[in-house]
Every structure is written in C-alpha cells, then in structure tokens.
Amino acid sequence: MRRSHASRENKEQPTGELLTTGARLLIPLILLFGAYVFINGHLTPGGGFQGGAILASGVILLLLADPGKRLSHSLLSRIESSSGLLYVAIGVAGALLAGGFLDNRILPLGQMGDLLSAGAIPLIYTLIGLKVGAEFSSMLESFKETEDVS
C-alpha cells in the first residue's frame, strides 16, 4: 500500500506520551537485561546472540519513541568491528595456547556456578552480544534511512 503525497511531506509525526514515557523507563532495563543475558549465558539459558538481539530490541524502542533520533553509524561500525576482531583474537589465542580455535582454557576455569567459571566463554559471549547488537542496530538505522528516502 503506497502512501499519498500529503503523508510523505509529514514523515515524522509526534509520538504519543505513553510511548515516550514507556521508552524512557524501559530502554535502560532492556539494555541491562541484554547485558545480563550475554554475560551470564554460560550459567543460564542465553548467550551472545540472544543478548545482542535484546539490545537491538531496546534500539527499536528508542527509534519508535523518537523518530528523529539518529544513530552513529561510525560508532556502531567501530563496536561491531572491534568485537569481531577481538573474537578472532581470542580464537587464535585458543589455538596457540590451548587445544584449538576458541578453546576456553586460555583463562582459568574457576569454580562451577561462579560468574567467572567458564574460562573465555563469558568473554566470547560478551563479544558476540556486542557484535550482534551493533549489527542489528545498524540494520535498523539503515532501514529507517531507506524509508526516509522513499
């Protein structure tokens, strides 16, 4: 369904007070929950991809609540690139120092059930979460820009 010419001129309509207030309250909680999911992914259900998707859902809410908001492509690109580079560096360190690529024994294994109990796995999940969250957020911003052009 195509929009009429009149609706294209007024692209950014003001959002409702309920959405704006709800976003202000929920976005910090969503981001905190996303970080919790990828940091504790080795102890509970979850992990890097799931936590990154939760972070991106916070970005969706931010963009819905403030349609004029612009995300920094350069910042998202730097986060995604550095996360990917560190992920590969941890993988290579596992291959050189332990049994194989991404071997988690490059860090001490600790006691079962503790936050730092899985060697490099929490670090790997954190990097994956940041990479996925930054990529999804960048995609959302690109979709928004594409919609603004048409």
N, C-alpha and C. Protein backbone atom coordinates (compact mmCIF):
# COMPACT_ATOMS: atom_id res chain seq x y z
N MET A 1 0.84 -1.17 0.00
CA MET A 1 0.00 0.00 0.00
C MET A 1 0.88 1.23 0.00
N ARG A 2 0.69 2.11 -0.94
CA ARG A 2 1.52 3.30 -1.08
C ARG A 2 0.90 4.46 -0.32
N ARG A 3 1.77 5.27 0.25
CA ARG A 3 1.31 6.47 0.94
C ARG A 3 0.98 7.56 -0.06
N SER A 4 0.09 8.43 0.31
CA SER A 4 -0.21 9.56 -0.56
C SER A 4 0.89 10.60 -0.43
N HIS A 5 0.91 11.53 -1.38
CA HIS A 5 1.94 12.57 -1.39
C HIS A 5 1.85 13.43 -0.12
N ALA A 6 0.65 13.66 0.38
CA ALA A 6 0.48 14.51 1.57
C ALA A 6 1.11 13.85 2.79
N SER A 7 1.02 12.53 2.90
CA SER A 7 1.60 11.88 4.08
C SER A 7 3.12 11.80 4.00
N ARG A 8 3.70 11.89 2.80
CA ARG A 8 5.15 11.89 2.66
C ARG A 8 5.76 13.18 3.17
N GLU A 9 5.05 14.28 3.01
CA GLU A 9 5.59 15.56 3.45
C GLU A 9 5.74 15.61 4.96
N ASN A 10 4.83 14.99 5.70
CA ASN A 10 4.88 14.98 7.16
C ASN A 10 5.36 13.61 7.62
N LYS A 11 6.64 13.31 7.39
CA LYS A 11 7.19 11.99 7.70
C LYS A 11 7.24 11.71 9.19
N GLU A 12 7.72 12.65 9.96
CA GLU A 12 7.94 12.43 11.37
C GLU A 12 6.79 13.01 12.18
N GLN A 13 5.85 12.16 12.47
CA GLN A 13 4.73 12.59 13.29
C GLN A 13 5.12 12.43 14.75
N PRO A 14 4.61 13.28 15.61
CA PRO A 14 4.98 13.17 17.03
C PRO A 14 4.46 11.85 17.62
N THR A 15 5.28 11.27 18.49
CA THR A 15 4.87 10.03 19.15
C THR A 15 4.02 10.37 20.36
N GLY A 16 3.31 9.38 20.83
CA GLY A 16 2.45 9.59 21.98
C GLY A 16 3.25 9.68 23.27
N GLU A 17 2.63 10.31 24.25
CA GLU A 17 3.28 10.47 25.55
C GLU A 17 3.50 9.13 26.23
N LEU A 18 2.58 8.20 26.02
CA LEU A 18 2.71 6.88 26.63
C LEU A 18 3.94 6.15 26.08
N LEU A 19 4.13 6.20 24.76
CA LEU A 19 5.30 5.55 24.16
C LEU A 19 6.60 6.21 24.60
N THR A 20 6.62 7.51 24.64
CA THR A 20 7.83 8.23 25.05
C THR A 20 8.19 7.94 26.50
N THR A 21 7.21 8.01 27.37
CA THR A 21 7.45 7.74 28.80
C THR A 21 7.84 6.28 29.03
N GLY A 22 7.12 5.38 28.36
CA GLY A 22 7.44 3.96 28.49
C GLY A 22 8.84 3.65 28.00
N ALA A 23 9.24 4.29 26.90
CA ALA A 23 10.59 4.07 26.36
C ALA A 23 11.64 4.56 27.34
N ARG A 24 11.42 5.74 27.93
CA ARG A 24 12.39 6.27 28.90
C ARG A 24 12.57 5.33 30.08
N LEU A 25 11.49 4.66 30.49
CA LEU A 25 11.58 3.74 31.61
C LEU A 25 12.14 2.38 31.21
N LEU A 26 11.76 1.90 30.03
CA LEU A 26 12.11 0.53 29.65
C LEU A 26 13.46 0.37 28.96
N ILE A 27 13.91 1.35 28.22
CA ILE A 27 15.16 1.19 27.47
C ILE A 27 16.35 0.86 28.38
N PRO A 28 16.56 1.56 29.50
CA PRO A 28 17.67 1.16 30.36
C PRO A 28 17.53 -0.27 30.90
N LEU A 29 16.30 -0.67 31.21
CA LEU A 29 16.08 -2.03 31.70
C LEU A 29 16.33 -3.07 30.61
N ILE A 30 15.92 -2.77 29.38
CA ILE A 30 16.14 -3.70 28.26
C ILE A 30 17.64 -3.85 28.01
N LEU A 31 18.37 -2.74 28.01
CA LEU A 31 19.82 -2.81 27.79
C LEU A 31 20.52 -3.58 28.91
N LEU A 32 20.10 -3.35 30.14
CA LEU A 32 20.66 -4.07 31.28
C LEU A 32 20.36 -5.57 31.18
N PHE A 33 19.13 -5.91 30.80
CA PHE A 33 18.76 -7.32 30.66
C PHE A 33 19.56 -7.98 29.53
N GLY A 34 19.75 -7.27 28.41
CA GLY A 34 20.55 -7.80 27.31
C GLY A 34 21.97 -8.09 27.75
N ALA A 35 22.56 -7.15 28.50
CA ALA A 35 23.92 -7.36 29.01
C ALA A 35 23.95 -8.55 29.97
N TYR A 36 22.94 -8.66 30.82
CA TYR A 36 22.85 -9.79 31.75
C TYR A 36 22.80 -11.12 30.99
N VAL A 37 22.01 -11.18 29.93
CA VAL A 37 21.85 -12.42 29.18
C VAL A 37 23.16 -12.86 28.54
N PHE A 38 23.92 -11.92 27.95
CA PHE A 38 25.15 -12.40 27.32
C PHE A 38 26.30 -12.57 28.29
N ILE A 39 26.28 -11.90 29.43
CA ILE A 39 27.34 -12.11 30.42
C ILE A 39 27.12 -13.43 31.18
N ASN A 40 25.87 -13.77 31.46
CA ASN A 40 25.56 -14.99 32.20
C ASN A 40 25.14 -16.14 31.29
N GLY A 41 25.40 -16.05 30.02
CA GLY A 41 24.96 -17.07 29.07
C GLY A 41 25.52 -18.45 29.33
N HIS A 42 26.66 -18.54 29.97
CA HIS A 42 27.25 -19.85 30.26
C HIS A 42 26.66 -20.49 31.50
N LEU A 43 25.91 -19.71 32.29
CA LEU A 43 25.30 -20.24 33.52
C LEU A 43 23.80 -20.49 33.36
N THR A 44 23.15 -19.71 32.53
CA THR A 44 21.71 -19.78 32.36
C THR A 44 21.40 -19.83 30.86
N PRO A 45 20.17 -20.13 30.48
CA PRO A 45 19.84 -20.08 29.05
C PRO A 45 20.09 -18.68 28.50
N GLY A 46 20.68 -18.63 27.36
CA GLY A 46 21.01 -17.35 26.74
C GLY A 46 22.39 -17.41 26.15
N GLY A 47 22.92 -16.29 25.86
CA GLY A 47 24.26 -16.22 25.28
C GLY A 47 24.41 -14.96 24.49
N GLY A 48 25.44 -14.92 23.66
CA GLY A 48 25.77 -13.72 22.93
C GLY A 48 24.73 -13.29 21.93
N PHE A 49 24.24 -14.22 21.12
CA PHE A 49 23.27 -13.84 20.10
C PHE A 49 21.97 -13.36 20.73
N GLN A 50 21.49 -14.08 21.73
CA GLN A 50 20.24 -13.71 22.38
C GLN A 50 20.36 -12.35 23.07
N GLY A 51 21.48 -12.12 23.76
CA GLY A 51 21.69 -10.84 24.43
C GLY A 51 21.80 -9.69 23.44
N GLY A 52 22.47 -9.93 22.30
CA GLY A 52 22.58 -8.90 21.27
C GLY A 52 21.23 -8.57 20.66
N ALA A 53 20.38 -9.58 20.47
CA ALA A 53 19.04 -9.34 19.94
C ALA A 53 18.21 -8.52 20.94
N ILE A 54 18.39 -8.78 22.22
CA ILE A 54 17.68 -8.00 23.23
C ILE A 54 18.16 -6.55 23.21
N LEU A 55 19.47 -6.33 23.07
CA LEU A 55 19.98 -4.96 22.95
C LEU A 55 19.36 -4.25 21.75
N ALA A 56 19.27 -4.95 20.63
CA ALA A 56 18.68 -4.35 19.43
C ALA A 56 17.20 -4.03 19.62
N SER A 57 16.50 -4.82 20.44
CA SER A 57 15.09 -4.51 20.70
C SER A 57 14.97 -3.21 21.49
N GLY A 58 15.94 -2.92 22.34
CA GLY A 58 15.96 -1.62 23.01
C GLY A 58 16.16 -0.48 22.02
N VAL A 59 16.98 -0.72 21.01
CA VAL A 59 17.20 0.29 19.97
C VAL A 59 15.94 0.50 19.15
N ILE A 60 15.21 -0.59 18.86
CA ILE A 60 13.93 -0.46 18.14
C ILE A 60 12.99 0.44 18.93
N LEU A 61 12.89 0.20 20.22
CA LEU A 61 12.01 1.01 21.05
C LEU A 61 12.46 2.47 21.06
N LEU A 62 13.76 2.70 21.11
CA LEU A 62 14.29 4.06 21.06
C LEU A 62 13.90 4.76 19.76
N LEU A 63 14.04 4.05 18.63
CA LEU A 63 13.71 4.64 17.33
C LEU A 63 12.21 4.85 17.16
N LEU A 64 11.40 3.99 17.77
CA LEU A 64 9.95 4.18 17.71
C LEU A 64 9.51 5.37 18.56
N ALA A 65 10.13 5.52 19.71
CA ALA A 65 9.75 6.61 20.61
C ALA A 65 10.23 7.97 20.13
N ASP A 66 11.35 8.00 19.42
CA ASP A 66 11.91 9.25 18.92
C ASP A 66 12.29 9.08 17.45
N PRO A 67 11.32 9.26 16.53
CA PRO A 67 11.59 9.01 15.11
C PRO A 67 12.69 9.91 14.53
N GLY A 68 12.96 11.04 15.13
CA GLY A 68 14.00 11.93 14.64
C GLY A 68 15.39 11.55 15.11
N LYS A 69 15.47 10.58 15.99
CA LYS A 69 16.76 10.15 16.56
C LYS A 69 17.62 9.49 15.49
N ARG A 70 18.87 9.84 15.44
CA ARG A 70 19.82 9.24 14.51
C ARG A 70 20.90 8.51 15.31
N LEU A 71 21.24 7.31 14.86
CA LEU A 71 22.31 6.55 15.49
C LEU A 71 23.60 6.80 14.72
N SER A 72 24.71 6.77 15.41
CA SER A 72 26.01 7.00 14.79
C SER A 72 26.49 5.73 14.09
N HIS A 73 26.49 5.76 12.76
CA HIS A 73 26.98 4.59 12.01
C HIS A 73 28.44 4.31 12.32
N SER A 74 29.22 5.37 12.50
CA SER A 74 30.65 5.15 12.76
C SER A 74 30.86 4.46 14.12
N LEU A 75 30.10 4.86 15.13
CA LEU A 75 30.22 4.21 16.44
C LEU A 75 29.78 2.76 16.37
N LEU A 76 28.64 2.50 15.73
CA LEU A 76 28.16 1.13 15.60
C LEU A 76 29.15 0.28 14.81
N SER A 77 29.73 0.87 13.78
CA SER A 77 30.71 0.15 12.97
C SER A 77 31.96 -0.17 13.77
N ARG A 78 32.41 0.78 14.59
CA ARG A 78 33.59 0.53 15.43
C ARG A 78 33.33 -0.55 16.46
N ILE A 79 32.15 -0.52 17.08
CA ILE A 79 31.80 -1.56 18.06
C ILE A 79 31.76 -2.93 17.40
N GLU A 80 31.10 -3.00 16.24
CA GLU A 80 31.00 -4.28 15.54
C GLU A 80 32.36 -4.78 15.10
N SER A 81 33.17 -3.91 14.52
CA SER A 81 34.48 -4.32 14.03
C SER A 81 35.41 -4.75 15.15
N SER A 82 35.46 -3.97 16.22
CA SER A 82 36.36 -4.32 17.32
C SER A 82 35.90 -5.60 18.02
N SER A 83 34.60 -5.81 18.14
CA SER A 83 34.10 -7.06 18.73
C SER A 83 34.49 -8.26 17.89
N GLY A 84 34.32 -8.14 16.57
CA GLY A 84 34.71 -9.24 15.68
C GLY A 84 36.19 -9.51 15.71
N LEU A 85 36.99 -8.44 15.74
CA LEU A 85 38.45 -8.60 15.77
C LEU A 85 38.89 -9.26 17.07
N LEU A 86 38.34 -8.83 18.20
CA LEU A 86 38.69 -9.45 19.48
C LEU A 86 38.22 -10.90 19.55
N TYR A 87 37.08 -11.20 18.94
CA TYR A 87 36.58 -12.58 18.88
C TYR A 87 37.59 -13.47 18.16
N VAL A 88 38.06 -13.01 17.02
CA VAL A 88 39.05 -13.78 16.25
C VAL A 88 40.36 -13.89 17.04
N ALA A 89 40.76 -12.80 17.72
CA ALA A 89 41.99 -12.84 18.52
C ALA A 89 41.89 -13.86 19.64
N ILE A 90 40.73 -13.95 20.29
CA ILE A 90 40.54 -14.96 21.33
C ILE A 90 40.58 -16.35 20.72
N GLY A 91 40.00 -16.50 19.53
CA GLY A 91 40.05 -17.79 18.85
C GLY A 91 41.46 -18.22 18.52
N VAL A 92 42.25 -17.30 18.01
CA VAL A 92 43.65 -17.60 17.67
C VAL A 92 44.45 -17.89 18.94
N ALA A 93 44.19 -17.12 20.01
CA ALA A 93 44.87 -17.38 21.28
C ALA A 93 44.54 -18.78 21.79
N GLY A 94 43.31 -19.22 21.61
CA GLY A 94 42.94 -20.58 21.98
C GLY A 94 43.69 -21.62 21.17
N ALA A 95 43.87 -21.32 19.88
CA ALA A 95 44.60 -22.26 19.02
C ALA A 95 46.08 -22.32 19.40
N LEU A 96 46.64 -21.18 19.79
CA LEU A 96 48.07 -21.15 20.12
C LEU A 96 48.37 -21.63 21.54
N LEU A 97 47.52 -21.25 22.50
CA LEU A 97 47.82 -21.51 23.91
C LEU A 97 47.10 -22.72 24.49
N ALA A 98 46.03 -23.16 23.86
CA ALA A 98 45.25 -24.27 24.42
C ALA A 98 45.07 -25.34 23.34
N GLY A 99 43.93 -25.98 23.31
CA GLY A 99 43.74 -27.11 22.43
C GLY A 99 43.25 -26.82 21.03
N GLY A 100 42.72 -25.64 20.77
CA GLY A 100 42.19 -25.35 19.43
C GLY A 100 41.54 -23.99 19.38
N PHE A 101 41.05 -23.65 18.21
CA PHE A 101 40.42 -22.34 17.99
C PHE A 101 39.25 -22.16 18.96
N LEU A 102 39.22 -21.04 19.64
CA LEU A 102 38.20 -20.67 20.63
C LEU A 102 38.17 -21.62 21.84
N ASP A 103 39.27 -22.27 22.12
CA ASP A 103 39.34 -23.10 23.32
C ASP A 103 39.25 -22.18 24.54
N ASN A 104 38.32 -22.47 25.43
CA ASN A 104 38.08 -21.57 26.55
C ASN A 104 39.12 -21.67 27.66
N ARG A 105 40.06 -22.57 27.56
CA ARG A 105 41.04 -22.75 28.62
C ARG A 105 42.18 -21.74 28.58
N ILE A 106 42.06 -20.69 27.78
CA ILE A 106 43.09 -19.64 27.79
C ILE A 106 42.96 -18.79 29.05
N LEU A 107 41.83 -18.86 29.73
CA LEU A 107 41.60 -18.21 31.02
C LEU A 107 41.31 -19.28 32.06
N PRO A 108 41.55 -19.00 33.34
CA PRO A 108 41.26 -20.01 34.38
C PRO A 108 39.78 -20.40 34.38
N LEU A 109 39.52 -21.69 34.62
CA LEU A 109 38.15 -22.18 34.59
C LEU A 109 37.35 -21.84 35.84
N GLY A 110 37.97 -21.67 37.00
CA GLY A 110 37.25 -21.29 38.21
C GLY A 110 36.34 -22.38 38.74
N GLN A 111 35.47 -22.00 39.67
CA GLN A 111 34.53 -22.93 40.30
C GLN A 111 33.21 -22.96 39.54
N MET A 112 32.65 -24.15 39.38
CA MET A 112 31.38 -24.30 38.67
C MET A 112 30.28 -23.47 39.33
N GLY A 113 29.54 -22.72 38.52
CA GLY A 113 28.44 -21.89 39.02
C GLY A 113 28.83 -20.45 39.28
N ASP A 114 30.12 -20.15 39.36
CA ASP A 114 30.56 -18.76 39.53
C ASP A 114 30.49 -18.03 38.20
N LEU A 115 30.41 -16.70 38.25
CA LEU A 115 30.33 -15.91 37.03
C LEU A 115 31.55 -16.13 36.15
N LEU A 116 32.73 -16.21 36.77
CA LEU A 116 33.96 -16.42 36.01
C LEU A 116 34.38 -17.89 36.09
N SER A 117 33.47 -18.78 35.71
CA SER A 117 33.74 -20.20 35.87
C SER A 117 33.92 -20.95 34.55
N ALA A 118 33.91 -20.27 33.44
CA ALA A 118 33.94 -20.99 32.16
C ALA A 118 35.09 -20.55 31.27
N GLY A 119 36.16 -20.10 31.86
CA GLY A 119 37.31 -19.66 31.07
C GLY A 119 36.96 -18.46 30.21
N ALA A 120 37.16 -18.57 28.92
CA ALA A 120 36.93 -17.45 28.00
C ALA A 120 35.50 -17.37 27.48
N ILE A 121 34.64 -18.33 27.84
CA ILE A 121 33.28 -18.34 27.31
C ILE A 121 32.51 -17.05 27.62
N PRO A 122 32.51 -16.52 28.87
CA PRO A 122 31.78 -15.26 29.10
C PRO A 122 32.31 -14.10 28.25
N LEU A 123 33.60 -14.06 28.05
CA LEU A 123 34.18 -13.02 27.21
C LEU A 123 33.75 -13.20 25.76
N ILE A 124 33.73 -14.42 25.28
CA ILE A 124 33.29 -14.70 23.91
C ILE A 124 31.83 -14.32 23.74
N TYR A 125 30.97 -14.69 24.70
CA TYR A 125 29.55 -14.34 24.63
C TYR A 125 29.35 -12.82 24.65
N THR A 126 30.14 -12.13 25.45
CA THR A 126 30.04 -10.67 25.50
C THR A 126 30.40 -10.05 24.16
N LEU A 127 31.46 -10.52 23.55
CA LEU A 127 31.86 -10.00 22.24
C LEU A 127 30.81 -10.30 21.17
N ILE A 128 30.26 -11.50 21.20
CA ILE A 128 29.21 -11.84 20.24
C ILE A 128 27.98 -10.96 20.47
N GLY A 129 27.61 -10.75 21.74
CA GLY A 129 26.46 -9.90 22.05
C GLY A 129 26.64 -8.48 21.56
N LEU A 130 27.82 -7.93 21.76
CA LEU A 130 28.08 -6.57 21.28
C LEU A 130 28.05 -6.52 19.76
N LYS A 131 28.62 -7.52 19.12
CA LYS A 131 28.65 -7.56 17.65
C LYS A 131 27.24 -7.67 17.08
N VAL A 132 26.46 -8.59 17.60
CA VAL A 132 25.09 -8.79 17.11
C VAL A 132 24.24 -7.56 17.39
N GLY A 133 24.34 -7.00 18.59
CA GLY A 133 23.56 -5.81 18.92
C GLY A 133 23.91 -4.63 18.04
N ALA A 134 25.20 -4.42 17.78
CA ALA A 134 25.63 -3.32 16.92
C ALA A 134 25.18 -3.54 15.49
N GLU A 135 25.29 -4.77 14.99
CA GLU A 135 24.88 -5.05 13.60
C GLU A 135 23.37 -4.88 13.43
N PHE A 136 22.58 -5.43 14.33
CA PHE A 136 21.12 -5.27 14.25
C PHE A 136 20.74 -3.79 14.34
N SER A 137 21.38 -3.06 15.23
CA SER A 137 21.07 -1.64 15.38
C SER A 137 21.44 -0.88 14.11
N SER A 138 22.56 -1.23 13.50
CA SER A 138 22.96 -0.59 12.25
C SER A 138 21.97 -0.91 11.14
N MET A 139 21.50 -2.15 11.10
CA MET A 139 20.49 -2.52 10.10
C MET A 139 19.20 -1.73 10.30
N LEU A 140 18.78 -1.57 11.54
CA LEU A 140 17.57 -0.81 11.83
C LEU A 140 17.70 0.64 11.39
N GLU A 141 18.85 1.22 11.66
CA GLU A 141 19.09 2.61 11.24
C GLU A 141 19.09 2.71 9.72
N SER A 142 19.68 1.72 9.04
CA SER A 142 19.68 1.73 7.58
C SER A 142 18.26 1.60 7.02
N PHE A 143 17.44 0.73 7.62
CA PHE A 143 16.06 0.60 7.19
C PHE A 143 15.31 1.92 7.38
N LYS A 144 15.59 2.59 8.48
CA LYS A 144 14.94 3.86 8.75
C LYS A 144 15.34 4.90 7.71
N GLU A 145 16.61 4.95 7.36
CA GLU A 145 17.08 5.90 6.35
C GLU A 145 16.47 5.56 4.99
N THR A 146 16.34 4.28 4.67
CA THR A 146 15.75 3.87 3.40
C THR A 146 14.30 4.31 3.34
N GLU A 147 13.58 4.18 4.46
CA GLU A 147 12.19 4.60 4.50
C GLU A 147 12.09 6.11 4.34
N ASP A 148 13.03 6.86 4.93
CA ASP A 148 13.01 8.32 4.82
C ASP A 148 13.22 8.78 3.39
N VAL A 149 14.01 8.03 2.62
CA VAL A 149 14.31 8.41 1.24
C VAL A 149 13.08 8.19 0.34
N SER A 150 12.38 7.07 0.55
CA SER A 150 11.25 6.76 -0.34
C SER A 150 10.00 7.54 0.00
